[in-house]
Each structure stands twice: as C-alpha cells, then as structure tokens.
PDB file of N, CA and C in Angstrom:
ATOM      1  N   MET A   1      10.835 -36.176  -4.308  1.00  0.00           N
ATOM      2  CA  MET A   1      11.537 -35.663  -3.340  1.00  0.00           C
ATOM      3  C   MET A   1      10.152 -34.662  -3.261  1.00  0.00           C
ATOM      4  N   ASN A   2       9.732 -34.509  -1.622  1.00  0.00           N
ATOM      5  CA  ASN A   2       9.007 -33.718  -1.139  1.00  0.00           C
ATOM      6  C   ASN A   2       9.276 -32.040  -1.167  1.00  0.00           C
ATOM      7  N   ASP A   3       8.419 -31.385  -1.821  1.00  0.00           N
ATOM      8  CA  ASP A   3       8.284 -29.775  -2.040  1.00  0.00           C
ATOM      9  C   ASP A   3       8.792 -29.251  -0.581  1.00  0.00           C
ATOM     10  N   LEU A   4       8.416 -29.615   0.959  1.00  0.00           N
ATOM     11  CA  LEU A   4       9.162 -28.947   1.543  1.00  0.00           C
ATOM     12  C   LEU A   4      10.260 -29.223   2.179  1.00  0.00           C
ATOM     13  N   ASP A   5      10.883 -30.519   1.726  1.00  0.00           N
ATOM     14  CA  ASP A   5      12.512 -30.710   2.008  1.00  0.00           C
ATOM     15  C   ASP A   5      13.000 -29.972   0.802  1.00  0.00           C
ATOM     16  N   TYR A   6      12.770 -29.801  -0.304  1.00  0.00           N
ATOM     17  CA  TYR A   6      13.291 -29.153  -1.311  1.00  0.00           C
ATOM     18  C   TYR A   6      13.694 -27.725  -1.080  1.00  0.00           C
ATOM     19  N   PHE A   7      12.609 -27.169  -0.033  1.00  0.00           N
ATOM     20  CA  PHE A   7      12.463 -25.653  -0.198  1.00  0.00           C
ATOM     21  C   PHE A   7      13.579 -25.386   1.242  1.00  0.00           C
ATOM     22  N   TYR A   8      13.536 -26.688   2.161  1.00  0.00           N
ATOM     23  CA  TYR A   8      14.558 -26.390   3.044  1.00  0.00           C
ATOM     24  C   TYR A   8      15.747 -26.532   2.840  1.00  0.00           C
ATOM     25  N   LYS A   9      16.558 -27.227   1.550  1.00  0.00           N
ATOM     26  CA  LYS A   9      17.652 -27.117   0.931  1.00  0.00           C
ATOM     27  C   LYS A   9      17.979 -26.103   0.466  1.00  0.00           C
ATOM     28  N   ALA A  10      17.098 -25.447  -0.773  1.00  0.00           N
ATOM     29  CA  ALA A  10      17.042 -24.785  -1.242  1.00  0.00           C
ATOM     30  C   ALA A  10      17.733 -23.241  -0.193  1.00  0.00           C
ATOM     31  N   ILE A  11      17.062 -23.118   1.268  1.00  0.00           N
ATOM     32  CA  ILE A  11      17.403 -22.245   2.419  1.00  0.00           C
ATOM     33  C   ILE A  11      18.529 -22.456   2.618  1.00  0.00           C
ATOM     34  N   THR A  12      18.916 -23.642   3.467  1.00  0.00           N
ATOM     35  CA  THR A  12      19.957 -24.004   3.651  1.00  0.00           C
ATOM     36  C   THR A  12      20.962 -23.643   2.846  1.00  0.00           C
ATOM     37  N   SER A  13      20.944 -23.871   1.630  1.00  0.00           N
ATOM     38  CA  SER A  13      22.034 -23.912   0.149  1.00  0.00           C
ATOM     39  C   SER A  13      22.785 -22.374   0.752  1.00  0.00           C
ATOM     40  N   PRO A  14      23.930 -22.218   0.202  1.00  0.00           N
ATOM     41  CA  PRO A  14      25.084 -20.735   0.305  1.00  0.00           C
ATOM     42  C   PRO A  14      24.016 -19.480  -0.751  1.00  0.00           C
ATOM     43  N   ILE A  15      23.710 -20.718  -1.931  1.00  0.00           N
ATOM     44  CA  ILE A  15      22.837 -19.507  -2.540  1.00  0.00           C
ATOM     45  C   ILE A  15      21.442 -19.198  -2.103  1.00  0.00           C
ATOM     46  N   GLY A  16      20.519 -20.227  -1.683  1.00  0.00           N
ATOM     47  CA  GLY A  16      19.556 -19.438  -1.329  1.00  0.00           C
ATOM     48  C   GLY A  16      19.885 -18.713   0.254  1.00  0.00           C
ATOM     49  N   ASN A  17      20.914 -18.651   0.938  1.00  0.00           N
ATOM     50  CA  ASN A  17      21.226 -17.866   1.738  1.00  0.00           C
ATOM     51  C   ASN A  17      21.363 -16.718   1.074  1.00  0.00           C
ATOM     52  N   ILE A  18      22.150 -16.189   0.264  1.00  0.00           N
ATOM     53  CA  ILE A  18      22.384 -15.072  -0.610  1.00  0.00           C
ATOM     54  C   ILE A  18      20.678 -14.556  -1.114  1.00  0.00           C
ATOM     55  N   ILE A  19      20.168 -15.429  -1.283  1.00  0.00           N
ATOM     56  CA  ILE A  19      18.479 -14.779  -1.718  1.00  0.00           C
ATOM     57  C   ILE A  19      17.729 -14.226  -0.900  1.00  0.00           C
ATOM     58  N   GLY A  20      17.963 -15.158   0.220  1.00  0.00           N
ATOM     59  CA  GLY A  20      16.734 -14.659   1.405  1.00  0.00           C
ATOM     60  C   GLY A  20      17.392 -13.640   1.629  1.00  0.00           C
ATOM     61  N   PHE A  21      18.342 -13.507   1.972  1.00  0.00           N
ATOM     62  CA  PHE A  21      19.115 -12.243   2.473  1.00  0.00           C
ATOM     63  C   PHE A  21      18.825 -10.730   1.543  1.00  0.00           C
ATOM     64  N   VAL A  22      18.864 -11.196   0.064  1.00  0.00           N
ATOM     65  CA  VAL A  22      18.473  -9.963  -0.632  1.00  0.00           C
ATOM     66  C   VAL A  22      16.510  -9.803  -0.503  1.00  0.00           C
ATOM     67  N   VAL A  23      15.953 -10.969  -0.480  1.00  0.00           N
ATOM     68  CA  VAL A  23      14.656 -10.540  -0.662  1.00  0.00           C
ATOM     69  C   VAL A  23      14.689  -9.894   1.057  1.00  0.00           C
ATOM     70  N   PHE A  24      14.934 -10.212   2.207  1.00  0.00           N
ATOM     71  CA  PHE A  24      15.054  -9.417   3.825  1.00  0.00           C
ATOM     72  C   PHE A  24      15.134  -8.043   3.186  1.00  0.00           C
ATOM     73  N   LEU A  25      16.423  -7.922   2.514  1.00  0.00           N
ATOM     74  CA  LEU A  25      16.554  -6.551   2.934  1.00  0.00           C
ATOM     75  C   LEU A  25      15.895  -5.333   1.865  1.00  0.00           C
ATOM     76  N   TYR A  26      15.336  -6.057   0.400  1.00  0.00           N
ATOM     77  CA  TYR A  26      14.043  -5.324   0.106  1.00  0.00           C
ATOM     78  C   TYR A  26      13.061  -4.994   0.992  1.00  0.00           C
ATOM     79  N   MET A  27      12.658  -5.974   1.420  1.00  0.00           N
ATOM     80  CA  MET A  27      11.773  -6.020   2.215  1.00  0.00           C
ATOM     81  C   MET A  27      11.327  -4.862   3.406  1.00  0.00           C
ATOM     82  N   VAL A  28      12.929  -5.028   3.598  1.00  0.00           N
ATOM     83  CA  VAL A  28      13.161  -4.024   4.913  1.00  0.00           C
ATOM     84  C   VAL A  28      12.790  -2.427   4.407  1.00  0.00           C
ATOM     85  N   TYR A  29      13.400  -2.483   3.040  1.00  0.00           N
ATOM     86  CA  TYR A  29      13.427  -1.260   2.222  1.00  0.00           C
ATOM     87  C   TYR A  29      12.241  -0.720   2.268  1.00  0.00           C
ATOM     88  N   ILE A  30      11.484  -1.532   1.496  1.00  0.00           N
ATOM     89  CA  ILE A  30      10.023  -1.140   1.248  1.00  0.00           C
ATOM     90  C   ILE A  30       9.079  -0.932   2.256  1.00  0.00           C
ATOM     91  N   ALA A  31       9.401  -1.341   3.470  1.00  0.00           N
ATOM     92  CA  ALA A  31       8.793  -1.241   4.810  1.00  0.00           C
ATOM     93  C   ALA A  31       9.306   0.445   5.135  1.00  0.00           C
ATOM     94  N   ILE A  32      10.342   0.464   4.966  1.00  0.00           N
ATOM     95  CA  ILE A  32      11.101   1.878   5.506  1.00  0.00           C
ATOM     96  C   ILE A  32      10.113   2.490   4.839  1.00  0.00           C
ATOM     97  N   ASP A  33      10.266   2.579   3.735  1.00  0.00           N
ATOM     98  CA  ASP A  33       9.623   3.813   2.304  1.00  0.00           C
ATOM     99  C   ASP A  33       8.358   3.609   2.908  1.00  0.00           C
ATOM    100  N   PHE A  34       7.757   2.997   3.066  1.00  0.00           N
ATOM    101  CA  PHE A  34       6.414   2.973   3.559  1.00  0.00           C
ATOM    102  C   PHE A  34       5.972   3.775   4.693  1.00  0.00           C
ATOM    103  N   ILE A  35       6.810   3.589   6.013  1.00  0.00           N
ATOM    104  CA  ILE A  35       6.580   4.262   7.291  1.00  0.00           C
ATOM    105  C   ILE A  35       7.107   5.964   6.677  1.00  0.00           C
ATOM    106  N   ARG A  36       7.954   6.072   5.883  1.00  0.00           N
ATOM    107  CA  ARG A  36       8.468   7.558   5.816  1.00  0.00           C
ATOM    108  C   ARG A  36       7.218   7.962   4.881  1.00  0.00           C
ATOM    109  N   LYS A  37       6.922   7.227   4.039  1.00  0.00           N
ATOM    110  CA  LYS A  37       5.518   8.113   2.939  1.00  0.00           C
ATOM    111  C   LYS A  37       4.195   8.343   4.387  1.00  0.00           C
ATOM    112  N   GLY A  38       4.132   7.588   4.964  1.00  0.00           N
ATOM    113  CA  GLY A  38       3.076   7.265   5.868  1.00  0.00           C
ATOM    114  C   GLY A  38       3.013   8.791   7.052  1.00  0.00           C
ATOM    115  N   LEU A  39       4.372   8.981   7.412  1.00  0.00           N
ATOM    116  CA  LEU A  39       4.707   9.998   8.337  1.00  0.00           C
ATOM    117  C   LEU A  39       4.950  11.259   7.355  1.00  0.00           C
ATOM    118  N   LYS A  40       4.654  11.373   6.643  1.00  0.00           N
ATOM    119  CA  LYS A  40       4.854  12.951   5.587  1.00  0.00           C
ATOM    120  C   LYS A  40       3.294  12.798   5.423  1.00  0.00           C
ATOM    121  N   LYS A  41       2.371  12.243   5.652  1.00  0.00           N
ATOM    122  CA  LYS A  41       0.879  12.779   5.635  1.00  0.00           C
ATOM    123  C   LYS A  41       0.363  13.556   6.565  1.00  0.00           C
TER     124      LYS A  41
END
C-alpha cells in the first residue's frame, strides 16, 4: 500500500477527522498563546 494513499484514507476516516480537528484546535491555541505573550512585551 502506498504511504500517501494510507495517509489520505486516515484523514478521510471519521477517526482521522477527529484527530485532525483536535490537532487544529491545539495549534490555534498555541498560536493565540504565542501572540498574547508577544503582545505583553
């Protein structure tokens, strides 16, 4: 099986969507926290 095909199937699966959504929220949280720390200086 091709790795890219496996990666695509993992993303399109419901579990992959949940994991991707959680990772997205986590990245947004880090970005907001980073911006807040930058504005405090």
